[in-house]
Amino acid sequence: SSGINAEYGVSKRGDLGNDYIEFNEFRFFLLSLRQYFEYWEAFARTDADGDRRISLIEFKEAQSKIEVWVGPIGDIDGEFAKIDTNGGGMILFDEFCKWAIAKSLDLEDDDDNIVVE
């Protein structure tokens, strides 16, 4: 809960501490969970060999798919290097998420527009 709160700048108002999701935080928690699921789905579609890391080759092979989600990428090698913040030569899920948030990644075939009443 505190990690999600910190990521999105939400402060705790209740007295249960950071170990619990309080009622007024629950909707935000579900929206955040759904968004991270979308990032996982995009990550998995890019990670062709399923090793939970994205190589430069996988990133390049998925460029057209990724551009549908985030818009044009001019320098694919430079973009990869920018995402790979730890310099390990592979994009990890947390690195991918930070980039996806900054790029407002949106899968073309998700259910963003479904309204549940």
PDB file of N, CA and C in Angstrom:
ATOM      1  N   SER A   1       0.816  -1.200   0.000  1.00  0.00           N
ATOM      2  CA  SER A   1       0.000   0.000   0.000  1.00  0.00           C
ATOM      3  C   SER A   1       0.856   1.258   0.000  1.00  0.00           C
ATOM      4  N   SER A   2       1.895   1.296   0.835  1.00  0.00           N
ATOM      5  CA  SER A   2       2.712   2.501   0.902  1.00  0.00           C
ATOM      6  C   SER A   2       3.485   2.721  -0.392  1.00  0.00           C
ATOM      7  N   GLY A   3       3.875   1.642  -1.082  1.00  0.00           N
ATOM      8  CA  GLY A   3       4.571   1.780  -2.353  1.00  0.00           C
ATOM      9  C   GLY A   3       3.693   2.401  -3.418  1.00  0.00           C
ATOM     10  N   ILE A   4       2.454   1.927  -3.512  1.00  0.00           N
ATOM     11  CA  ILE A   4       1.504   2.489  -4.467  1.00  0.00           C
ATOM     12  C   ILE A   4       1.198   3.932  -4.087  1.00  0.00           C
ATOM     13  N   ASN A   5       1.007   4.170  -2.798  1.00  0.00           N
ATOM     14  CA  ASN A   5       0.744   5.536  -2.346  1.00  0.00           C
ATOM     15  C   ASN A   5       1.881   6.464  -2.719  1.00  0.00           C
ATOM     16  N   ALA A   6       3.102   6.041  -2.498  1.00  0.00           N
ATOM     17  CA  ALA A   6       4.260   6.868  -2.809  1.00  0.00           C
ATOM     18  C   ALA A   6       4.365   7.105  -4.311  1.00  0.00           C
ATOM     19  N   GLU A   7       4.081   6.072  -5.099  1.00  0.00           N
ATOM     20  CA  GLU A   7       4.181   6.174  -6.556  1.00  0.00           C
ATOM     21  C   GLU A   7       3.236   7.240  -7.100  1.00  0.00           C
ATOM     22  N   TYR A   8       2.057   7.338  -6.516  1.00  0.00           N
ATOM     23  CA  TYR A   8       1.056   8.253  -7.035  1.00  0.00           C
ATOM     24  C   TYR A   8       0.810   9.454  -6.127  1.00  0.00           C
ATOM     25  N   GLY A   9       1.603   9.643  -5.089  1.00  0.00           N
ATOM     26  CA  GLY A   9       1.490  10.815  -4.241  1.00  0.00           C
ATOM     27  C   GLY A   9       0.243  10.842  -3.370  1.00  0.00           C
ATOM     28  N   VAL A  10      -0.224   9.682  -2.940  1.00  0.00           N
ATOM     29  CA  VAL A  10      -1.393   9.607  -2.074  1.00  0.00           C
ATOM     30  C   VAL A  10      -0.924   9.513  -0.635  1.00  0.00           C
ATOM     31  N   SER A  11      -1.532  10.290   0.236  1.00  0.00           N
ATOM     32  CA  SER A  11      -1.139  10.229   1.644  1.00  0.00           C
ATOM     33  C   SER A  11      -2.198   9.480   2.456  1.00  0.00           C
ATOM     34  N   LYS A  12      -1.763   8.869   3.523  1.00  0.00           N
ATOM     35  CA  LYS A  12      -2.666   8.135   4.416  1.00  0.00           C
ATOM     36  C   LYS A  12      -3.391   9.133   5.304  1.00  0.00           C
ATOM     37  N   ARG A  13      -4.695   8.900   5.504  1.00  0.00           N
ATOM     38  CA  ARG A  13      -5.469   9.789   6.357  1.00  0.00           C
ATOM     39  C   ARG A  13      -5.937   9.096   7.637  1.00  0.00           C
ATOM     40  N   GLY A  14      -6.043   7.776   7.595  1.00  0.00           N
ATOM     41  CA  GLY A  14      -6.588   7.042   8.729  1.00  0.00           C
ATOM     42  C   GLY A  14      -5.533   6.714   9.765  1.00  0.00           C
ATOM     43  N   ASP A  15      -5.923   5.871  10.714  1.00  0.00           N
ATOM     44  CA  ASP A  15      -5.019   5.549  11.812  1.00  0.00           C
ATOM     45  C   ASP A  15      -4.531   4.100  11.783  1.00  0.00           C
ATOM     46  N   LEU A  16      -4.722   3.398  10.676  1.00  0.00           N
ATOM     47  CA  LEU A  16      -4.300   2.004  10.601  1.00  0.00           C
ATOM     48  C   LEU A  16      -2.847   1.850  10.176  1.00  0.00           C
ATOM     49  N   GLY A  17      -2.199   2.907   9.750  1.00  0.00           N
ATOM     50  CA  GLY A  17      -0.812   2.828   9.328  1.00  0.00           C
ATOM     51  C   GLY A  17      -0.680   2.408   7.881  1.00  0.00           C
ATOM     52  N   ASN A  18       0.533   2.174   7.441  1.00  0.00           N
ATOM     53  CA  ASN A  18       0.808   1.868   6.042  1.00  0.00           C
ATOM     54  C   ASN A  18       0.648   0.400   5.678  1.00  0.00           C
ATOM     55  N   ASP A  19       0.359  -0.466   6.640  1.00  0.00           N
ATOM     56  CA  ASP A  19       0.248  -1.894   6.358  1.00  0.00           C
ATOM     57  C   ASP A  19      -1.121  -2.312   5.851  1.00  0.00           C
ATOM     58  N   TYR A  20      -2.087  -1.410   5.853  1.00  0.00           N
ATOM     59  CA  TYR A  20      -3.452  -1.743   5.481  1.00  0.00           C
ATOM     60  C   TYR A  20      -3.980  -0.770   4.446  1.00  0.00           C
ATOM     61  N   ILE A  21      -4.859  -1.270   3.601  1.00  0.00           N
ATOM     62  CA  ILE A  21      -5.574  -0.405   2.676  1.00  0.00           C
ATOM     63  C   ILE A  21      -6.869  -0.015   3.371  1.00  0.00           C
ATOM     64  N   GLU A  22      -7.050   1.252   3.535  1.00  0.00           N
ATOM     65  CA  GLU A  22      -8.254   1.742   4.181  1.00  0.00           C
ATOM     66  C   GLU A  22      -9.359   1.911   3.147  1.00  0.00           C
ATOM     67  N   PHE A  23     -10.581   2.001   3.602  1.00  0.00           N
ATOM     68  CA  PHE A  23     -11.738   2.059   2.719  1.00  0.00           C
ATOM     69  C   PHE A  23     -11.602   3.164   1.675  1.00  0.00           C
ATOM     70  N   ASN A  24     -11.168   4.347   2.109  1.00  0.00           N
ATOM     71  CA  ASN A  24     -11.076   5.467   1.172  1.00  0.00           C
ATOM     72  C   ASN A  24      -9.940   5.293   0.155  1.00  0.00           C
ATOM     73  N   GLU A  25      -9.075   4.307   0.339  1.00  0.00           N
ATOM     74  CA  GLU A  25      -7.978   4.028  -0.592  1.00  0.00           C
ATOM     75  C   GLU A  25      -8.283   2.857  -1.527  1.00  0.00           C
ATOM     76  N   PHE A  26      -9.354   2.130  -1.247  1.00  0.00           N
ATOM     77  CA  PHE A  26      -9.591   0.867  -1.939  1.00  0.00           C
ATOM     78  C   PHE A  26      -9.833   1.044  -3.437  1.00  0.00           C
ATOM     79  N   ARG A  27     -10.645   2.006  -3.817  1.00  0.00           N
ATOM     80  CA  ARG A  27     -10.913   2.243  -5.235  1.00  0.00           C
ATOM     81  C   ARG A  27      -9.613   2.572  -5.968  1.00  0.00           C
ATOM     82  N   PHE A  28      -8.795   3.451  -5.390  1.00  0.00           N
ATOM     83  CA  PHE A  28      -7.520   3.810  -5.996  1.00  0.00           C
ATOM     84  C   PHE A  28      -6.611   2.585  -6.109  1.00  0.00           C
ATOM     85  N   PHE A  29      -6.621   1.753  -5.086  1.00  0.00           N
ATOM     86  CA  PHE A  29      -5.831   0.521  -5.115  1.00  0.00           C
ATOM     87  C   PHE A  29      -6.249  -0.363  -6.288  1.00  0.00           C
ATOM     88  N   LEU A  30      -7.552  -0.549  -6.478  1.00  0.00           N
ATOM     89  CA  LEU A  30      -8.034  -1.387  -7.572  1.00  0.00           C
ATOM     90  C   LEU A  30      -7.675  -0.798  -8.930  1.00  0.00           C
ATOM     91  N   LEU A  31      -7.798   0.516  -9.090  1.00  0.00           N
ATOM     92  CA  LEU A  31      -7.422   1.161 -10.345  1.00  0.00           C
ATOM     93  C   LEU A  31      -5.926   0.984 -10.616  1.00  0.00           C
ATOM     94  N   SER A  32      -5.121   1.128  -9.574  1.00  0.00           N
ATOM     95  CA  SER A  32      -3.669   0.958  -9.724  1.00  0.00           C
ATOM     96  C   SER A  32      -3.323  -0.483 -10.067  1.00  0.00           C
ATOM     97  N   LEU A  33      -3.970  -1.420  -9.417  1.00  0.00           N
ATOM     98  CA  LEU A  33      -3.739  -2.839  -9.687  1.00  0.00           C
ATOM     99  C   LEU A  33      -4.092  -3.178 -11.131  1.00  0.00           C
ATOM    100  N   ARG A  34      -5.209  -2.665 -11.608  1.00  0.00           N
ATOM    101  CA  ARG A  34      -5.632  -2.883 -12.983  1.00  0.00           C
ATOM    102  C   ARG A  34      -4.622  -2.289 -13.964  1.00  0.00           C
ATOM    103  N   GLN A  35      -4.105  -1.097 -13.647  1.00  0.00           N
ATOM    104  CA  GLN A  35      -3.130  -0.453 -14.517  1.00  0.00           C
ATOM    105  C   GLN A  35      -1.830  -1.253 -14.569  1.00  0.00           C
ATOM    106  N   TYR A  36      -1.376  -1.735 -13.414  1.00  0.00           N
ATOM    107  CA  TYR A  36      -0.159  -2.550 -13.399  1.00  0.00           C
ATOM    108  C   TYR A  36      -0.366  -3.886 -14.121  1.00  0.00           C
ATOM    109  N   PHE A  37      -1.591  -4.410 -14.092  1.00  0.00           N
ATOM    110  CA  PHE A  37      -1.884  -5.615 -14.868  1.00  0.00           C
ATOM    111  C   PHE A  37      -1.728  -5.324 -16.355  1.00  0.00           C
ATOM    112  N   GLU A  38      -2.183  -4.147 -16.783  1.00  0.00           N
ATOM    113  CA  GLU A  38      -2.033  -3.762 -18.191  1.00  0.00           C
ATOM    114  C   GLU A  38      -0.547  -3.647 -18.556  1.00  0.00           C
ATOM    115  N   TYR A  39       0.253  -3.068 -17.648  1.00  0.00           N
ATOM    116  CA  TYR A  39       1.694  -2.982 -17.899  1.00  0.00           C
ATOM    117  C   TYR A  39       2.308  -4.381 -17.981  1.00  0.00           C
ATOM    118  N   TRP A  40       1.851  -5.288 -17.113  1.00  0.00           N
ATOM    119  CA  TRP A  40       2.371  -6.667 -17.156  1.00  0.00           C
ATOM    120  C   TRP A  40       2.017  -7.329 -18.483  1.00  0.00           C
ATOM    121  N   GLU A  41       0.817  -7.114 -18.945  1.00  0.00           N
ATOM    122  CA  GLU A  41       0.389  -7.701 -20.218  1.00  0.00           C
ATOM    123  C   GLU A  41       1.252  -7.165 -21.366  1.00  0.00           C
ATOM    124  N   ALA A  42       1.510  -5.876 -21.391  1.00  0.00           N
ATOM    125  CA  ALA A  42       2.374  -5.283 -22.421  1.00  0.00           C
ATOM    126  C   ALA A  42       3.791  -5.835 -22.312  1.00  0.00           C
ATOM    127  N   PHE A  43       4.283  -5.935 -21.075  1.00  0.00           N
ATOM    128  CA  PHE A  43       5.626  -6.479 -20.842  1.00  0.00           C
ATOM    129  C   PHE A  43       5.706  -7.916 -21.355  1.00  0.00           C
ATOM    130  N   ALA A  44       4.712  -8.726 -21.029  1.00  0.00           N
ATOM    131  CA  ALA A  44       4.704 -10.133 -21.439  1.00  0.00           C
ATOM    132  C   ALA A  44       4.608 -10.276 -22.960  1.00  0.00           C
ATOM    133  N   ARG A  45       3.874  -9.391 -23.609  1.00  0.00           N
ATOM    134  CA  ARG A  45       3.767  -9.440 -25.077  1.00  0.00           C
ATOM    135  C   ARG A  45       5.090  -9.069 -25.742  1.00  0.00           C
ATOM    136  N   THR A  46       5.909  -8.307 -25.056  1.00  0.00           N
ATOM    137  CA  THR A  46       7.205  -7.890 -25.595  1.00  0.00           C
ATOM    138  C   THR A  46       8.290  -8.918 -25.281  1.00  0.00           C
ATOM    139  N   ASP A  47       8.167  -9.580 -24.150  1.00  0.00           N
ATOM    140  CA  ASP A  47       9.142 -10.582 -23.689  1.00  0.00           C
ATOM    141  C   ASP A  47       8.896 -11.900 -24.426  1.00  0.00           C
ATOM    142  N   ALA A  48       9.435 -12.006 -25.633  1.00  0.00           N
ATOM    143  CA  ALA A  48       9.137 -13.136 -26.521  1.00  0.00           C
ATOM    144  C   ALA A  48       9.552 -14.488 -25.953  1.00  0.00           C
ATOM    145  N   ASP A  49      10.671 -14.562 -25.236  1.00  0.00           N
ATOM    146  CA  ASP A  49      11.125 -15.863 -24.736  1.00  0.00           C
ATOM    147  C   ASP A  49      10.612 -16.187 -23.330  1.00  0.00           C
ATOM    148  N   GLY A  50       9.859 -15.264 -22.719  1.00  0.00           N
ATOM    149  CA  GLY A  50       9.226 -15.537 -21.433  1.00  0.00           C
ATOM    150  C   GLY A  50      10.159 -15.592 -20.242  1.00  0.00           C
ATOM    151  N   ASP A  51      11.337 -14.980 -20.343  1.00  0.00           N
ATOM    152  CA  ASP A  51      12.273 -15.028 -19.214  1.00  0.00           C
ATOM    153  C   ASP A  51      12.093 -13.860 -18.232  1.00  0.00           C
ATOM    154  N   ARG A  52      11.027 -13.105 -18.401  1.00  0.00           N
ATOM    155  CA  ARG A  52      10.675 -11.963 -17.532  1.00  0.00           C
ATOM    156  C   ARG A  52      11.704 -10.843 -17.603  1.00  0.00           C
ATOM    157  N   ARG A  53      12.358 -10.750 -18.749  1.00  0.00           N
ATOM    158  CA  ARG A  53      13.269  -9.653 -19.054  1.00  0.00           C
ATOM    159  C   ARG A  53      13.110  -9.373 -20.547  1.00  0.00           C
ATOM    160  N   ILE A  54      13.285  -8.110 -20.929  1.00  0.00           N
ATOM    161  CA  ILE A  54      13.191  -7.762 -22.338  1.00  0.00           C
ATOM    162  C   ILE A  54      14.587  -7.409 -22.843  1.00  0.00           C
ATOM    163  N   SER A  55      15.040  -8.163 -23.828  1.00  0.00           N
ATOM    164  CA  SER A  55      16.345  -7.900 -24.434  1.00  0.00           C
ATOM    165  C   SER A  55      16.180  -6.821 -25.506  1.00  0.00           C
ATOM    166  N   LEU A  56      17.295  -6.295 -25.949  1.00  0.00           N
ATOM    167  CA  LEU A  56      17.261  -5.308 -27.025  1.00  0.00           C
ATOM    168  C   LEU A  56      16.652  -5.910 -28.288  1.00  0.00           C
ATOM    169  N   ILE A  57      16.981  -7.160 -28.563  1.00  0.00           N
ATOM    170  CA  ILE A  57      16.422  -7.828 -29.745  1.00  0.00           C
ATOM    171  C   ILE A  57      14.900  -7.928 -29.638  1.00  0.00           C
ATOM    172  N   GLU A  58      14.403  -8.350 -28.475  1.00  0.00           N
ATOM    173  CA  GLU A  58      12.952  -8.447 -28.272  1.00  0.00           C
ATOM    174  C   GLU A  58      12.297  -7.074 -28.399  1.00  0.00           C
ATOM    175  N   PHE A  59      12.942  -6.060 -27.847  1.00  0.00           N
ATOM    176  CA  PHE A  59      12.407  -4.699 -27.901  1.00  0.00           C
ATOM    177  C   PHE A  59      12.314  -4.223 -29.351  1.00  0.00           C
ATOM    178  N   LYS A  60      13.359  -4.486 -30.121  1.00  0.00           N
ATOM    179  CA  LYS A  60      13.360  -4.086 -31.531  1.00  0.00           C
ATOM    180  C   LYS A  60      12.308  -4.860 -32.324  1.00  0.00           C
ATOM    181  N   GLU A  61      12.197  -6.162 -32.058  1.00  0.00           N
ATOM    182  CA  GLU A  61      11.208  -6.980 -32.772  1.00  0.00           C
ATOM    183  C   GLU A  61       9.777  -6.566 -32.451  1.00  0.00           C
ATOM    184  N   ALA A  62       9.557  -5.988 -31.282  1.00  0.00           N
ATOM    185  CA  ALA A  62       8.219  -5.572 -30.860  1.00  0.00           C
ATOM    186  C   ALA A  62       7.966  -4.086 -31.103  1.00  0.00           C
ATOM    187  N   GLN A  63       8.883  -3.403 -31.783  1.00  0.00           N
ATOM    188  CA  GLN A  63       8.772  -1.950 -31.935  1.00  0.00           C
ATOM    189  C   GLN A  63       7.419  -1.512 -32.495  1.00  0.00           C
ATOM    190  N   SER A  64       6.947  -2.143 -33.550  1.00  0.00           N
ATOM    191  CA  SER A  64       5.676  -1.711 -34.147  1.00  0.00           C
ATOM    192  C   SER A  64       4.516  -1.887 -33.166  1.00  0.00           C
ATOM    193  N   LYS A  65       4.557  -2.959 -32.398  1.00  0.00           N
ATOM    194  CA  LYS A  65       3.532  -3.209 -31.384  1.00  0.00           C
ATOM    195  C   LYS A  65       3.606  -2.150 -30.287  1.00  0.00           C
ATOM    196  N   ILE A  66       4.813  -1.879 -29.821  1.00  0.00           N
ATOM    197  CA  ILE A  66       5.026  -0.911 -28.740  1.00  0.00           C
ATOM    198  C   ILE A  66       4.594   0.484 -29.175  1.00  0.00           C
ATOM    199  N   GLU A  67       4.866   0.825 -30.427  1.00  0.00           N
ATOM    200  CA  GLU A  67       4.498   2.155 -30.921  1.00  0.00           C
ATOM    201  C   GLU A  67       2.984   2.356 -30.961  1.00  0.00           C
ATOM    202  N   VAL A  68       2.222   1.286 -31.114  1.00  0.00           N
ATOM    203  CA  VAL A  68       0.762   1.387 -31.028  1.00  0.00           C
ATOM    204  C   VAL A  68       0.365   1.798 -29.607  1.00  0.00           C
ATOM    205  N   TRP A  69       1.112   1.324 -28.621  1.00  0.00           N
ATOM    206  CA  TRP A  69       0.794   1.589 -27.216  1.00  0.00           C
ATOM    207  C   TRP A  69       1.274   2.943 -26.725  1.00  0.00           C
ATOM    208  N   VAL A  70       2.445   3.405 -27.230  1.00  0.00           N
ATOM    209  CA  VAL A  70       3.053   4.631 -26.666  1.00  0.00           C
ATOM    210  C   VAL A  70       3.316   5.727 -27.687  1.00  0.00           C
ATOM    211  N   GLY A  71       3.136   5.450 -28.965  1.00  0.00           N
ATOM    212  CA  GLY A  71       3.461   6.423 -30.000  1.00  0.00           C
ATOM    213  C   GLY A  71       4.820   6.138 -30.605  1.00  0.00           C
ATOM    214  N   PRO A  72       5.213   6.943 -31.574  1.00  0.00           N
ATOM    215  CA  PRO A  72       6.459   6.692 -32.312  1.00  0.00           C
ATOM    216  C   PRO A  72       7.703   6.699 -31.424  1.00  0.00           C
ATOM    217  N   ILE A  73       8.614   5.806 -31.739  1.00  0.00           N
ATOM    218  CA  ILE A  73       9.919   5.744 -31.081  1.00  0.00           C
ATOM    219  C   ILE A  73      10.955   5.971 -32.178  1.00  0.00           C
ATOM    220  N   GLY A  74      11.615   7.111 -32.160  1.00  0.00           N
ATOM    221  CA  GLY A  74      12.584   7.453 -33.198  1.00  0.00           C
ATOM    222  C   GLY A  74      13.863   6.639 -33.106  1.00  0.00           C
ATOM    223  N   ASP A  75      14.471   6.632 -31.948  1.00  0.00           N
ATOM    224  CA  ASP A  75      15.757   5.943 -31.732  1.00  0.00           C
ATOM    225  C   ASP A  75      15.516   4.752 -30.813  1.00  0.00           C
ATOM    226  N   ILE A  76      15.306   3.589 -31.393  1.00  0.00           N
ATOM    227  CA  ILE A  76      14.950   2.400 -30.617  1.00  0.00           C
ATOM    228  C   ILE A  76      16.065   1.996 -29.661  1.00  0.00           C
ATOM    229  N   ASP A  77      17.323   2.110 -30.093  1.00  0.00           N
ATOM    230  CA  ASP A  77      18.449   1.772 -29.218  1.00  0.00           C
ATOM    231  C   ASP A  77      18.534   2.751 -28.049  1.00  0.00           C
ATOM    232  N   GLY A  78      18.346   4.022 -28.329  1.00  0.00           N
ATOM    233  CA  GLY A  78      18.382   5.044 -27.283  1.00  0.00           C
ATOM    234  C   GLY A  78      17.237   4.889 -26.291  1.00  0.00           C
ATOM    235  N   GLU A  79      16.067   4.536 -26.799  1.00  0.00           N
ATOM    236  CA  GLU A  79      14.902   4.330 -25.922  1.00  0.00           C
ATOM    237  C   GLU A  79      15.141   3.142 -25.004  1.00  0.00           C
ATOM    238  N   PHE A  80      15.693   2.076 -25.546  1.00  0.00           N
ATOM    239  CA  PHE A  80      16.011   0.895 -24.744  1.00  0.00           C
ATOM    240  C   PHE A  80      16.982   1.272 -23.624  1.00  0.00           C
ATOM    241  N   ALA A  81      18.026   1.997 -23.975  1.00  0.00           N
ATOM    242  CA  ALA A  81      19.034   2.406 -22.985  1.00  0.00           C
ATOM    243  C   ALA A  81      18.415   3.298 -21.915  1.00  0.00           C
ATOM    244  N   LYS A  82      17.481   4.141 -22.313  1.00  0.00           N
ATOM    245  CA  LYS A  82      16.811   5.021 -21.351  1.00  0.00           C
ATOM    246  C   LYS A  82      15.957   4.219 -20.364  1.00  0.00           C
ATOM    247  N   ILE A  83      15.318   3.165 -20.849  1.00  0.00           N
ATOM    248  CA  ILE A  83      14.469   2.326 -19.986  1.00  0.00           C
ATOM    249  C   ILE A  83      15.326   1.473 -19.055  1.00  0.00           C
ATOM    250  N   ASP A  84      16.427   0.947 -19.564  1.00  0.00           N
ATOM    251  CA  ASP A  84      17.329   0.061 -18.806  1.00  0.00           C
ATOM    252  C   ASP A  84      18.146   0.896 -17.809  1.00  0.00           C
ATOM    253  N   THR A  85      17.494   1.363 -16.766  1.00  0.00           N
ATOM    254  CA  THR A  85      18.129   2.307 -15.834  1.00  0.00           C
ATOM    255  C   THR A  85      19.253   1.687 -15.012  1.00  0.00           C
ATOM    256  N   ASN A  86      19.238   0.375 -14.817  1.00  0.00           N
ATOM    257  CA  ASN A  86      20.328  -0.234 -14.046  1.00  0.00           C
ATOM    258  C   ASN A  86      21.504  -0.638 -14.932  1.00  0.00           C
ATOM    259  N   GLY A  87      21.371  -0.453 -16.239  1.00  0.00           N
ATOM    260  CA  GLY A  87      22.463  -0.735 -17.153  1.00  0.00           C
ATOM    261  C   GLY A  87      22.789  -2.202 -17.323  1.00  0.00           C
ATOM    262  N   GLY A  88      21.858  -3.089 -16.993  1.00  0.00           N
ATOM    263  CA  GLY A  88      22.107  -4.528 -17.059  1.00  0.00           C
ATOM    264  C   GLY A  88      21.960  -5.133 -18.440  1.00  0.00           C
ATOM    265  N   GLY A  89      21.535  -4.341 -19.413  1.00  0.00           N
ATOM    266  CA  GLY A  89      21.383  -4.858 -20.765  1.00  0.00           C
ATOM    267  C   GLY A  89      20.047  -5.528 -21.014  1.00  0.00           C
ATOM    268  N   MET A  90      19.184  -5.517 -20.036  1.00  0.00           N
ATOM    269  CA  MET A  90      17.835  -6.086 -20.146  1.00  0.00           C
ATOM    270  C   MET A  90      16.874  -5.125 -19.444  1.00  0.00           C
ATOM    271  N   ILE A  91      15.649  -5.052 -19.945  1.00  0.00           N
ATOM    272  CA  ILE A  91      14.622  -4.247 -19.293  1.00  0.00           C
ATOM    273  C   ILE A  91      13.877  -5.142 -18.317  1.00  0.00           C
ATOM    274  N   LEU A  92      13.879  -4.750 -17.063  1.00  0.00           N
ATOM    275  CA  LEU A  92      13.141  -5.476 -16.028  1.00  0.00           C
ATOM    276  C   LEU A  92      11.754  -4.863 -15.882  1.00  0.00           C
ATOM    277  N   PHE A  93      10.848  -5.580 -15.234  1.00  0.00           N
ATOM    278  CA  PHE A  93       9.461  -5.125 -15.145  1.00  0.00           C
ATOM    279  C   PHE A  93       9.341  -3.771 -14.447  1.00  0.00           C
ATOM    280  N   ASP A  94      10.075  -3.556 -13.372  1.00  0.00           N
ATOM    281  CA  ASP A  94       9.955  -2.264 -12.677  1.00  0.00           C
ATOM    282  C   ASP A  94      10.451  -1.121 -13.559  1.00  0.00           C
ATOM    283  N   GLU A  95      11.498  -1.353 -14.335  1.00  0.00           N
ATOM    284  CA  GLU A  95      11.991  -0.337 -15.265  1.00  0.00           C
ATOM    285  C   GLU A  95      10.946  -0.073 -16.345  1.00  0.00           C
ATOM    286  N   PHE A  96      10.348  -1.149 -16.841  1.00  0.00           N
ATOM    287  CA  PHE A  96       9.314  -1.039 -17.867  1.00  0.00           C
ATOM    288  C   PHE A  96       8.124  -0.231 -17.349  1.00  0.00           C
ATOM    289  N   CYS A  97       7.724  -0.484 -16.103  1.00  0.00           N
ATOM    290  CA  CYS A  97       6.581   0.227 -15.525  1.00  0.00           C
ATOM    291  C   CYS A  97       6.845   1.726 -15.418  1.00  0.00           C
ATOM    292  N   LYS A  98       8.016   2.100 -14.962  1.00  0.00           N
ATOM    293  CA  LYS A  98       8.343   3.532 -14.851  1.00  0.00           C
ATOM    294  C   LYS A  98       8.267   4.203 -16.218  1.00  0.00           C
ATOM    295  N   TRP A  99       8.780   3.538 -17.228  1.00  0.00           N
ATOM    296  CA  TRP A  99       8.728   4.054 -18.593  1.00  0.00           C
ATOM    297  C   TRP A  99       7.284   4.096 -19.100  1.00  0.00           C
ATOM    298  N   ALA A 100       6.533   3.033 -18.851  1.00  0.00           N
ATOM    299  CA  ALA A 100       5.146   2.952 -19.308  1.00  0.00           C
ATOM    300  C   ALA A 100       4.298   4.058 -18.689  1.00  0.00           C
ATOM    301  N   ILE A 101       4.518   4.347 -17.420  1.00  0.00           N
ATOM    302  CA  ILE A 101       3.793   5.431 -16.759  1.00  0.00           C
ATOM    303  C   ILE A 101       4.139   6.760 -17.415  1.00  0.00           C
ATOM    304  N   ALA A 102       5.429   6.996 -17.632  1.00  0.00           N
ATOM    305  CA  ALA A 102       5.869   8.252 -18.248  1.00  0.00           C
ATOM    306  C   ALA A 102       5.335   8.408 -19.670  1.00  0.00           C
ATOM    307  N   LYS A 103       5.178   7.292 -20.375  1.00  0.00           N
ATOM    308  CA  LYS A 103       4.707   7.312 -21.767  1.00  0.00           C
ATOM    309  C   LYS A 103       3.188   7.166 -21.890  1.00  0.00           C
ATOM    310  N   SER A 104       2.494   7.009 -20.763  1.00  0.00           N
ATOM    311  CA  SER A 104       1.032   6.785 -20.767  1.00  0.00           C
ATOM    312  C   SER A 104       0.665   5.590 -21.645  1.00  0.00           C
ATOM    313  N   LEU A 105       1.397   4.500 -21.467  1.00  0.00           N
ATOM    314  CA  LEU A 105       1.153   3.287 -22.241  1.00  0.00           C
ATOM    315  C   LEU A 105      -0.307   2.867 -22.134  1.00  0.00           C
ATOM    316  N   ASP A 106      -0.886   2.515 -23.278  1.00  0.00           N
ATOM    317  CA  ASP A 106      -2.268   2.054 -23.310  1.00  0.00           C
ATOM    318  C   ASP A 106      -2.397   0.963 -24.360  1.00  0.00           C
ATOM    319  N   LEU A 107      -2.716  -0.246 -23.926  1.00  0.00           N
ATOM    320  CA  LEU A 107      -2.911  -1.348 -24.864  1.00  0.00           C
ATOM    321  C   LEU A 107      -4.109  -1.046 -25.749  1.00  0.00           C
ATOM    322  N   GLU A 108      -4.012  -1.452 -26.989  1.00  0.00           N
ATOM    323  CA  GLU A 108      -5.069  -1.161 -27.946  1.00  0.00           C
ATOM    324  C   GLU A 108      -6.298  -2.045 -27.755  1.00  0.00           C
ATOM    325  N   ASP A 109      -6.152  -3.173 -27.102  1.00  0.00           N
ATOM    326  CA  ASP A 109      -7.248  -4.137 -27.011  1.00  0.00           C
ATOM    327  C   ASP A 109      -7.691  -4.406 -25.576  1.00  0.00           C
ATOM    328  N   ASP A 110      -7.440  -3.453 -24.677  1.00  0.00           N
ATOM    329  CA  ASP A 110      -7.867  -3.661 -23.290  1.00  0.00           C
ATOM    330  C   ASP A 110      -9.292  -3.148 -23.107  1.00  0.00           C
ATOM    331  N   ASP A 111      -9.746  -3.163 -21.886  1.00  0.00           N
ATOM    332  CA  ASP A 111     -11.137  -2.810 -21.604  1.00  0.00           C
ATOM    333  C   ASP A 111     -11.262  -1.467 -20.877  1.00  0.00           C
ATOM    334  N   ASP A 112     -10.455  -0.483 -21.245  1.00  0.00           N
ATOM    335  CA  ASP A 112     -10.491   0.828 -20.609  1.00  0.00           C
ATOM    336  C   ASP A 112     -11.865   1.479 -20.634  1.00  0.00           C
ATOM    337  N   ASN A 113     -12.607   1.235 -21.676  1.00  0.00           N
ATOM    338  CA  ASN A 113     -13.852   1.969 -21.885  1.00  0.00           C
ATOM    339  C   ASN A 113     -15.091   1.264 -21.353  1.00  0.00           C
ATOM    340  N   ILE A 114     -14.926   0.154 -20.676  1.00  0.00           N
ATOM    341  CA  ILE A 114     -16.069  -0.549 -20.106  1.00  0.00           C
ATOM    342  C   ILE A 114     -16.493   0.142 -18.824  1.00  0.00           C
ATOM    343  N   VAL A 115     -17.761   0.489 -18.743  1.00  0.00           N
ATOM    344  CA  VAL A 115     -18.288   1.146 -17.555  1.00  0.00           C
ATOM    345  C   VAL A 115     -19.156   0.139 -16.802  1.00  0.00           C
ATOM    346  N   VAL A 116     -18.833  -0.046 -15.539  1.00  0.00           N
ATOM    347  CA  VAL A 116     -19.601  -0.954 -14.697  1.00  0.00           C
ATOM    348  C   VAL A 116     -20.373  -0.104 -13.696  1.00  0.00           C
ATOM    349  N   GLU A 117     -21.661  -0.318 -13.663  1.00  0.00           N
ATOM    350  CA  GLU A 117     -22.483   0.462 -12.724  1.00  0.00           C
ATOM    351  C   GLU A 117     -23.059  -0.396 -11.644  1.00  0.00           C
TER     352      GLU A 117
END
